[in-house]
Amino acid sequence: MELRPRSDEKIRQMLQKGVDIPNPLSLDVGDEVNIDQISSAGVRIYPGCRIYGEKTVISAGCRLGYEAPATIENCRIGAGVELKGGFFSNSVFLEKASMGMGAHVREGCILEEEASGAHCVGLKQTILFPFVTLGSLINFCDGLMAGGTSRQNHSEVGSSYIHFNFTPDADKTTPSLIGDVPRGVMLNQPPIFLGGQGGIVGPVRLGYGNVVAAGSILRRDYPQDNQLIFAPAPAGSVRAFVPAAYPNIRRVFENNILYLANLKALEAWYRQVRKAFFDASEFGPLLYAGVMDQLALAGKERLKRLGAMAQKAATPVSTERKPSSTRTAIYEHLTSIEGVFGGNDLNDETKRSRDAFLEDFQRAAGSDRTHYIETIRHLPPEIAAKGVAWLKSLVDDCCERVATAAPSLNLFKKSM
């Protein structure tokens, strides 16, 4: 009796293309997988792997399942990526990114060039900029991390680290910015180090060059750069738990808006700068489409979680306590706030900043769009500074629009 006729036909096609499959009978390949989106150059798929999804892309030089069986579901995988074992779904991995055995990477993740994780790392709605390195036994969902200039000088998360992204009130309005987009995309910022056996209670903002001592649990923002941080443990106490109290709701809301604004800046960076580099590579347009899909998904996720919290915060939990005006105002202005992130309108200052940077970038980069990392790292400092100014103007504009849409909240009064 012939087994798995559909899967066998797909595997046969892959072998005919030149994909290296040491034990073809151990693979399972979905009938929906498009073989034309799997490269014939240097791809090696080890025993026990499962490949599903019509959006799946596997580029040249990829190695899948070297340490343990790997399941790939609708992932866009760039050149030279190594997914050594685990479950990978609806995410994008750019050139030379890697994840070790036992990884669990779910929707909304983007691992940029040479970003990596060791064994047993869980990610969801996570964006890692180039070179960011995660140790082992880590849960790091709902965050963006940048910093570092190379594989030798990279931001790192120590082993046994947790980004706490779920509150006692069942909220997930907890995205943390470890670094930021405007400076981070220039690949010229000092790395950030999060010491092992520590954690972040999201949403938190952290500046570049910061070193967080091992075992520290961050519960507030540290936006300044180049700080050595020893976060004190909270004093031991027992008190009554008040559901949906939201004592720091303005800070939580502001950090969510800043995260959304940084996502808009990253979208603009990909659209205006990175797209041409994707167009110059095999499967590049598919990888670019995958990144843009994930960024759109990330924005929808953050607005969805913000809406759920706003509705809960505006609802009285008892007849004795009414929600504060701040809590009700967030919910009342939610539609207007969502509208800020629904379009691509730019103010005149942002347009001028963008055009000035792109003109200088084109002159400095020339016509070669085959080496993204090297092109960005070799930008003259004055041109990189123009790029930062453009993206920061975009972030600031989003925040100002939100502040205008909800004037009673008095948002972003301090310098961002």
Protein backbone atom coordinates (compact mmCIF):
# COMPACT_ATOMS: atom_id res chain seq x y z
CA MET A 1 0.00 0.00 0.00
CA GLU A 2 1.34 3.45 -0.96
CA LEU A 3 1.51 5.77 2.01
CA ARG A 4 0.99 9.54 2.05
CA PRO A 5 0.65 9.93 -1.72
CA ARG A 6 0.28 13.73 -1.63
CA SER A 7 3.17 14.29 0.75
CA ASP A 8 5.33 11.86 -1.20
CA GLU A 9 4.69 13.75 -4.43
CA LYS A 10 5.74 17.03 -2.83
CA ILE A 11 8.88 15.43 -1.42
CA ARG A 12 9.65 13.93 -4.82
CA GLN A 13 9.40 17.39 -6.39
CA MET A 14 11.73 18.81 -3.74
CA LEU A 15 14.28 16.10 -4.37
CA GLN A 16 14.11 16.74 -8.09
CA LYS A 17 14.88 20.41 -7.44
CA GLY A 18 17.99 19.41 -5.52
CA VAL A 19 16.80 19.91 -1.93
CA ASP A 20 18.97 17.78 0.37
CA ILE A 21 16.66 15.44 2.32
CA PRO A 22 18.66 12.64 4.00
CA ASN A 23 15.56 10.62 4.99
CA PRO A 24 12.63 11.55 2.71
CA LEU A 25 10.25 8.98 4.24
CA SER A 26 10.39 10.78 7.61
CA LEU A 27 9.03 14.10 6.26
CA ASP A 28 5.45 15.34 6.09
CA VAL A 29 4.74 18.07 3.54
CA GLY A 30 1.29 19.63 3.17
CA ASP A 31 -0.43 19.46 -0.18
CA GLU A 32 -0.84 23.25 -0.06
CA VAL A 33 2.93 23.89 0.07
CA ASN A 34 4.21 25.67 -3.05
CA ILE A 35 7.40 23.91 -4.15
CA ASP A 36 8.28 26.90 -6.34
CA GLN A 37 8.81 28.83 -3.08
CA ILE A 38 11.52 26.43 -1.91
CA SER A 39 15.03 27.13 -3.16
CA SER A 40 17.11 24.48 -4.89
CA ALA A 41 20.38 25.92 -3.60
CA GLY A 42 21.84 24.37 -0.45
CA VAL A 43 18.60 23.68 1.44
CA ARG A 44 18.90 20.75 3.85
CA ILE A 45 15.89 19.30 5.68
CA TYR A 46 16.67 16.76 8.41
CA PRO A 47 14.52 13.77 9.45
CA GLY A 48 11.18 14.26 11.15
CA CYS A 49 10.37 17.73 9.84
CA ARG A 50 6.88 18.90 8.90
CA ILE A 51 6.30 21.65 6.35
CA TYR A 52 2.85 23.21 5.97
CA GLY A 53 1.21 26.33 4.58
CA GLU A 54 0.80 27.91 1.17
CA LYS A 55 2.78 30.98 2.29
CA THR A 56 5.85 29.02 3.35
CA VAL A 57 9.09 30.20 1.75
CA ILE A 58 12.44 28.42 2.23
CA SER A 59 15.41 30.29 0.78
CA ALA A 60 18.87 29.16 -0.24
CA GLY A 61 21.17 27.66 2.36
CA CYS A 62 18.49 27.00 5.00
CA ARG A 63 18.87 24.12 7.43
CA LEU A 64 15.78 22.80 9.16
CA GLY A 65 15.66 20.32 12.04
CA TYR A 66 19.36 19.67 12.67
CA GLU A 67 18.96 19.28 16.45
CA ALA A 68 15.38 17.98 16.59
CA PRO A 69 12.34 17.74 14.29
CA ALA A 70 10.99 21.11 13.19
CA THR A 71 7.45 22.07 12.19
CA ILE A 72 7.21 24.96 9.73
CA GLU A 73 3.78 26.52 9.14
CA ASN A 74 3.36 29.52 6.84
CA CYS A 75 6.79 30.94 7.63
CA ARG A 76 8.86 33.08 5.26
CA ILE A 77 12.46 31.97 5.72
CA GLY A 78 15.40 33.93 4.30
CA ALA A 79 18.77 32.75 3.07
CA GLY A 80 21.04 30.84 5.45
CA VAL A 81 18.49 30.58 8.25
CA GLU A 82 18.80 27.69 10.71
CA LEU A 83 15.71 26.52 12.58
CA LYS A 84 17.20 23.66 14.53
CA GLY A 85 14.09 22.18 16.12
CA GLY A 86 10.67 23.13 17.42
CA PHE A 87 7.49 24.80 16.18
CA PHE A 88 7.52 27.84 13.89
CA SER A 89 4.28 29.43 12.68
CA ASN A 90 3.29 32.55 10.73
CA SER A 91 6.58 34.36 11.25
CA VAL A 92 9.46 35.75 9.19
CA PHE A 93 13.14 34.89 9.56
CA LEU A 94 15.60 37.00 7.61
CA GLU A 95 19.08 36.11 6.44
CA LYS A 96 21.15 33.97 8.86
CA ALA A 97 18.64 34.17 11.70
CA SER A 98 18.65 31.03 13.85
CA MET A 99 16.72 29.28 16.62
CA GLY A 100 17.82 26.30 18.67
CA MET A 101 16.08 23.10 19.67
CA GLY A 102 12.74 23.37 21.46
CA ALA A 103 11.84 26.77 20.05
CA HIS A 104 8.18 27.77 20.01
CA VAL A 105 7.73 30.73 17.66
CA ARG A 106 4.14 31.77 16.95
CA GLU A 107 2.45 34.41 14.84
CA GLY A 108 3.59 37.99 14.57
CA CYS A 109 7.34 37.41 14.90
CA ILE A 110 10.07 38.97 12.78
CA LEU A 111 13.66 37.92 13.35
CA GLU A 112 15.88 40.19 11.31
CA GLU A 113 19.35 39.35 10.02
CA GLU A 114 21.48 37.18 12.34
CA ALA A 115 19.05 37.46 15.25
CA SER A 116 19.12 34.23 17.22
CA GLY A 117 17.84 32.19 20.12
CA ALA A 118 19.38 29.18 21.87
CA HIS A 119 17.31 26.21 23.03
CA CYS A 120 13.77 26.36 24.45
CA VAL A 121 12.83 29.93 23.53
CA GLY A 122 9.19 30.99 23.24
CA LEU A 123 8.23 33.99 21.07
CA LYS A 124 4.96 35.51 19.89
CA GLN A 125 4.37 39.02 18.53
CA THR A 126 8.12 39.58 18.93
CA ILE A 127 10.42 41.66 16.73
CA LEU A 128 14.18 41.23 17.02
CA PHE A 129 16.48 43.59 15.13
CA PRO A 130 19.73 42.34 13.56
CA PHE A 131 22.19 40.52 15.83
CA VAL A 132 19.89 40.44 18.91
CA THR A 133 20.67 37.22 20.76
CA LEU A 134 18.45 35.31 23.19
CA GLY A 135 19.88 32.71 25.56
CA SER A 136 18.12 29.52 26.62
CA LEU A 137 14.86 28.88 28.51
CA ILE A 138 13.35 32.25 27.63
CA ASN A 139 9.78 33.49 27.15
CA PHE A 140 9.90 36.81 25.31
CA CYS A 141 6.49 37.55 23.78
CA ASP A 142 5.07 40.99 22.91
CA GLY A 143 8.20 43.05 22.54
CA LEU A 144 10.62 44.76 20.17
CA MET A 145 14.34 44.65 20.87
CA ALA A 146 17.13 46.43 19.05
CA GLY A 147 20.72 47.52 19.68
CA GLY A 148 24.19 46.43 18.71
CA THR A 149 26.31 46.75 15.59
CA SER A 150 27.46 43.20 14.79
CA ARG A 151 27.47 39.58 15.94
CA GLN A 152 30.37 40.51 18.21
CA ASN A 153 28.64 43.58 19.64
CA HIS A 154 25.00 42.60 20.04
CA SER A 155 22.08 43.09 22.39
CA GLU A 156 21.49 40.00 24.50
CA VAL A 157 18.87 38.48 26.75
CA GLY A 158 20.30 36.16 29.41
CA SER A 159 19.02 32.65 29.98
CA SER A 160 15.87 32.02 32.02
CA TYR A 161 14.46 35.45 31.20
CA ILE A 162 10.74 36.26 31.06
CA HIS A 163 8.86 39.14 29.53
CA PHE A 164 5.72 39.10 31.69
CA ASN A 165 2.98 39.95 29.19
CA PHE A 166 -0.22 38.91 30.96
CA THR A 167 -1.66 40.77 33.95
CA PRO A 168 -3.83 39.56 36.85
CA ASP A 169 -6.71 41.36 35.11
CA ALA A 170 -6.10 39.22 32.00
CA ASP A 171 -4.80 42.16 29.95
CA LYS A 172 -2.07 41.95 27.31
CA THR A 173 -1.54 45.67 26.83
CA THR A 174 2.05 44.91 27.69
CA PRO A 175 4.36 45.48 24.66
CA SER A 176 7.83 46.58 25.68
CA LEU A 177 10.28 48.69 23.65
CA ILE A 178 13.83 47.52 24.32
CA GLY A 179 15.51 50.26 22.35
CA ASP A 180 13.49 51.98 19.63
CA VAL A 181 12.98 51.93 15.87
CA PRO A 182 14.34 55.34 14.77
CA ARG A 183 17.80 54.76 16.20
CA GLY A 184 17.78 50.97 16.09
CA VAL A 185 17.45 50.61 12.31
CA MET A 186 20.74 52.46 11.81
CA LEU A 187 22.65 49.58 13.45
CA ASN A 188 24.93 52.01 15.27
CA GLN A 189 23.60 51.95 18.81
CA PRO A 190 25.30 50.34 21.82
CA PRO A 191 23.88 46.96 22.79
CA ILE A 192 21.40 46.34 25.58
CA PHE A 193 22.03 43.54 28.07
CA LEU A 194 19.26 41.92 30.10
CA GLY A 195 20.83 39.74 32.78
CA GLY A 196 19.73 36.15 33.19
CA GLN A 197 17.05 34.90 35.56
CA GLY A 198 15.38 38.30 35.30
CA GLY A 199 12.29 39.71 33.75
CA ILE A 200 10.28 42.67 32.53
CA VAL A 201 6.72 43.40 33.62
CA GLY A 202 5.46 44.96 30.41
CA PRO A 203 4.94 47.50 29.09
CA VAL A 204 8.40 48.92 29.73
CA ARG A 205 10.73 51.21 27.76
CA LEU A 206 14.49 50.75 27.94
CA GLY A 207 17.26 52.89 26.45
CA TYR A 208 20.34 51.82 24.52
CA GLY A 209 23.55 50.79 26.24
CA ASN A 210 21.68 49.78 29.38
CA VAL A 211 22.90 46.81 31.39
CA VAL A 212 20.34 45.16 33.68
CA ALA A 213 21.80 43.11 36.52
CA ALA A 214 21.01 39.40 36.62
CA GLY A 215 17.90 38.58 38.63
CA SER A 216 16.35 42.04 38.24
CA ILE A 217 12.64 42.36 37.49
CA LEU A 218 11.91 45.67 35.72
CA ARG A 219 8.57 47.23 36.62
CA ARG A 220 9.11 50.77 35.36
CA ASP A 221 10.66 52.58 32.40
CA TYR A 222 14.38 53.27 32.03
CA PRO A 223 14.43 55.36 28.83
CA GLN A 224 17.84 56.91 29.51
CA ASP A 225 20.87 55.38 27.79
CA ASN A 226 23.95 53.76 29.30
CA GLN A 227 22.59 52.91 32.73
CA LEU A 228 23.59 50.05 35.02
CA ILE A 229 20.28 48.95 36.49
CA PHE A 230 19.71 47.00 39.70
CA ALA A 231 15.95 46.81 40.04
CA PRO A 232 14.97 46.41 43.70
CA ALA A 233 12.58 43.67 44.71
CA PRO A 234 9.23 44.93 46.00
CA ALA A 235 8.80 44.97 49.74
CA GLY A 236 7.02 41.92 51.06
CA SER A 237 3.41 42.64 51.90
CA VAL A 238 -0.11 41.31 51.68
CA ARG A 239 -3.02 43.55 50.81
CA ALA A 240 -6.46 43.31 49.29
CA PHE A 241 -6.49 42.72 45.56
CA VAL A 242 -8.73 45.17 43.73
CA PRO A 243 -9.60 43.90 40.23
CA ALA A 244 -9.25 46.35 37.32
CA ALA A 245 -7.82 49.09 39.55
CA TYR A 246 -5.41 50.37 36.86
CA PRO A 247 -3.42 52.78 39.07
CA ASN A 248 -0.90 53.44 36.26
CA ILE A 249 -3.26 53.41 33.30
CA ARG A 250 -1.88 56.61 31.72
CA ARG A 251 1.65 55.21 31.64
CA VAL A 252 0.41 51.88 30.25
CA PHE A 253 -1.58 53.70 27.59
CA GLU A 254 1.32 55.96 26.60
CA ASN A 255 3.69 53.02 26.27
CA ASN A 256 1.20 51.23 24.04
CA ILE A 257 0.86 54.29 21.83
CA LEU A 258 4.64 54.65 21.61
CA TYR A 259 4.89 51.00 20.62
CA LEU A 260 2.28 51.46 17.90
CA ALA A 261 4.08 54.58 16.66
CA ASN A 262 7.35 52.67 16.47
CA LEU A 263 5.62 49.95 14.43
CA LYS A 264 4.51 52.67 11.99
CA ALA A 265 8.10 53.88 11.78
CA LEU A 266 9.31 50.36 11.06
CA GLU A 267 6.68 49.96 8.33
CA ALA A 268 7.94 53.19 6.74
CA TRP A 269 11.54 52.00 6.94
CA TYR A 270 10.72 48.75 5.18
CA ARG A 271 8.60 50.49 2.55
CA GLN A 272 11.01 53.31 1.75
CA VAL A 273 14.42 51.71 2.34
CA ARG A 274 14.38 47.95 2.76
CA LYS A 275 12.02 46.99 -0.08
CA ALA A 276 14.65 47.61 -2.76
CA PHE A 277 17.03 45.22 -1.00
CA PHE A 278 14.38 42.50 -0.89
CA ASP A 279 13.65 43.01 -4.58
CA ALA A 280 17.28 42.18 -5.38
CA SER A 281 17.23 38.70 -3.79
CA GLU A 282 15.62 35.31 -4.43
CA PHE A 283 12.13 35.22 -2.94
CA GLY A 284 12.75 38.77 -1.71
CA PRO A 285 9.31 40.11 -2.64
CA LEU A 286 7.71 37.20 -0.76
CA LEU A 287 9.84 37.90 2.31
CA TYR A 288 8.99 41.59 2.12
CA ALA A 289 5.28 40.79 1.87
CA GLY A 290 5.65 38.53 4.89
CA VAL A 291 7.27 41.26 6.97
CA MET A 292 4.59 43.78 6.04
CA ASP A 293 1.90 41.22 6.89
CA GLN A 294 3.43 40.67 10.31
CA LEU A 295 3.76 44.40 11.01
CA ALA A 296 0.11 44.90 10.08
CA LEU A 297 -0.81 41.97 12.32
CA ALA A 298 1.26 43.46 15.15
CA GLY A 299 -0.58 46.77 14.88
CA LYS A 300 -3.97 45.06 14.90
CA GLU A 301 -2.96 42.98 17.92
CA ARG A 302 -1.90 46.01 19.92
CA LEU A 303 -5.08 47.95 19.09
CA LYS A 304 -7.20 44.91 19.92
CA ARG A 305 -5.54 44.52 23.32
CA LEU A 306 -5.75 48.25 23.98
CA GLY A 307 -9.44 48.25 23.16
CA ALA A 308 -10.12 45.32 25.49
CA MET A 309 -8.34 47.06 28.37
CA ALA A 310 -10.06 50.39 27.67
CA GLN A 311 -13.47 48.77 27.75
CA LYS A 312 -12.69 46.97 30.98
CA ALA A 313 -11.24 50.10 32.59
CA ALA A 314 -14.36 52.10 31.72
CA THR A 315 -16.68 49.54 33.29
CA PRO A 316 -17.44 49.95 37.01
CA VAL A 317 -16.42 46.90 39.00
CA SER A 318 -18.86 47.69 41.82
CA THR A 319 -21.62 50.16 42.66
CA GLU A 320 -19.29 51.85 45.14
CA ARG A 321 -16.52 52.87 42.76
CA LYS A 322 -16.84 54.64 39.43
CA PRO A 323 -14.05 54.64 36.86
CA SER A 324 -11.86 57.74 36.80
CA SER A 325 -12.21 60.28 34.03
CA THR A 326 -8.89 59.09 32.59
CA ARG A 327 -10.14 55.53 32.33
CA THR A 328 -13.38 56.48 30.64
CA ALA A 329 -11.66 58.96 28.30
CA ILE A 330 -9.45 56.24 26.80
CA TYR A 331 -12.48 54.20 25.87
CA GLU A 332 -14.43 57.22 24.61
CA HIS A 333 -11.62 58.30 22.28
CA LEU A 334 -10.61 54.82 21.16
CA THR A 335 -12.07 55.09 17.66
CA SER A 336 -10.22 58.34 17.01
CA ILE A 337 -7.03 56.85 18.37
CA GLU A 338 -7.35 53.81 16.12
CA GLY A 339 -7.78 56.17 13.17
CA VAL A 340 -4.34 57.64 13.81
CA PHE A 341 -2.75 54.28 13.04
CA GLY A 342 -5.11 53.30 10.24
CA GLY A 343 -3.59 55.48 7.51
CA ASN A 344 -0.28 56.78 6.23
CA ASP A 345 -0.84 60.52 6.51
CA LEU A 346 2.34 62.48 7.20
CA ASN A 347 2.79 66.04 8.35
CA ASP A 348 4.97 68.42 6.34
CA GLU A 349 7.93 68.14 8.71
CA THR A 350 8.00 64.35 8.46
CA LYS A 351 7.77 64.49 4.67
CA ARG A 352 10.66 66.94 4.48
CA SER A 353 12.75 64.80 6.83
CA ARG A 354 11.97 61.68 4.81
CA ASP A 355 12.81 63.25 1.47
CA ALA A 356 16.05 64.75 2.75
CA PHE A 357 17.21 61.41 4.09
CA LEU A 358 16.18 59.37 1.06
CA GLU A 359 17.99 61.75 -1.28
CA ASP A 360 21.21 61.47 0.71
CA PHE A 361 20.75 57.74 1.20
CA GLN A 362 20.42 57.16 -2.54
CA ARG A 363 23.60 59.13 -3.17
CA ALA A 364 25.56 57.30 -0.45
CA ALA A 365 24.29 53.78 -1.20
CA GLY A 366 24.46 54.01 -4.99
CA SER A 367 22.62 51.45 -7.06
CA ASP A 368 23.76 48.32 -5.19
CA ARG A 369 20.94 46.80 -3.15
CA THR A 370 22.41 43.36 -2.47
CA HIS A 371 23.99 43.95 0.97
CA TYR A 372 21.55 45.60 3.35
CA ILE A 373 23.54 45.27 6.59
CA GLU A 374 26.79 46.58 5.13
CA THR A 375 25.04 49.43 3.35
CA ILE A 376 23.39 50.67 6.55
CA ARG A 377 26.48 50.23 8.71
CA HIS A 378 28.59 52.25 6.27
CA LEU A 379 26.25 55.23 6.08
CA PRO A 380 28.05 58.44 7.05
CA PRO A 381 26.96 59.55 10.54
CA GLU A 382 25.33 62.71 9.25
CA ILE A 383 23.12 60.72 6.84
CA ALA A 384 22.20 58.18 9.51
CA ALA A 385 21.24 61.10 11.77
CA LYS A 386 18.87 62.35 9.06
CA GLY A 387 17.25 58.93 8.95
CA VAL A 388 16.78 58.98 12.71
CA ALA A 389 15.25 62.46 12.49
CA TRP A 390 12.76 61.29 9.84
CA LEU A 391 11.60 58.25 11.78
CA LYS A 392 11.52 60.09 15.10
CA SER A 393 9.40 62.78 13.47
CA LEU A 394 6.98 60.06 12.35
CA VAL A 395 6.81 58.59 15.87
CA ASP A 396 6.33 62.02 17.44
CA ASP A 397 3.62 62.89 14.92
CA CYS A 398 1.65 59.74 15.77
CA CYS A 399 1.89 60.52 19.47
CA GLU A 400 0.86 64.14 18.95
CA ARG A 401 -2.14 63.04 16.88
CA VAL A 402 -3.24 60.71 19.66
CA ALA A 403 -2.78 63.47 22.23
CA THR A 404 -4.92 65.77 20.08
CA ALA A 405 -7.59 63.09 19.63
CA ALA A 406 -7.82 62.61 23.41
CA PRO A 407 -6.98 66.03 24.93
CA SER A 408 -8.40 65.23 28.34
CA LEU A 409 -5.72 62.58 28.91
CA ASN A 410 -2.83 65.10 28.89
CA LEU A 411 -0.59 62.61 27.13
CA PHE A 412 3.13 62.88 26.39
CA LYS A 413 3.72 66.04 28.39
CA LYS A 414 7.25 64.97 29.23
CA SER A 415 9.96 64.58 26.63
CA MET A 416 9.86 61.24 24.84
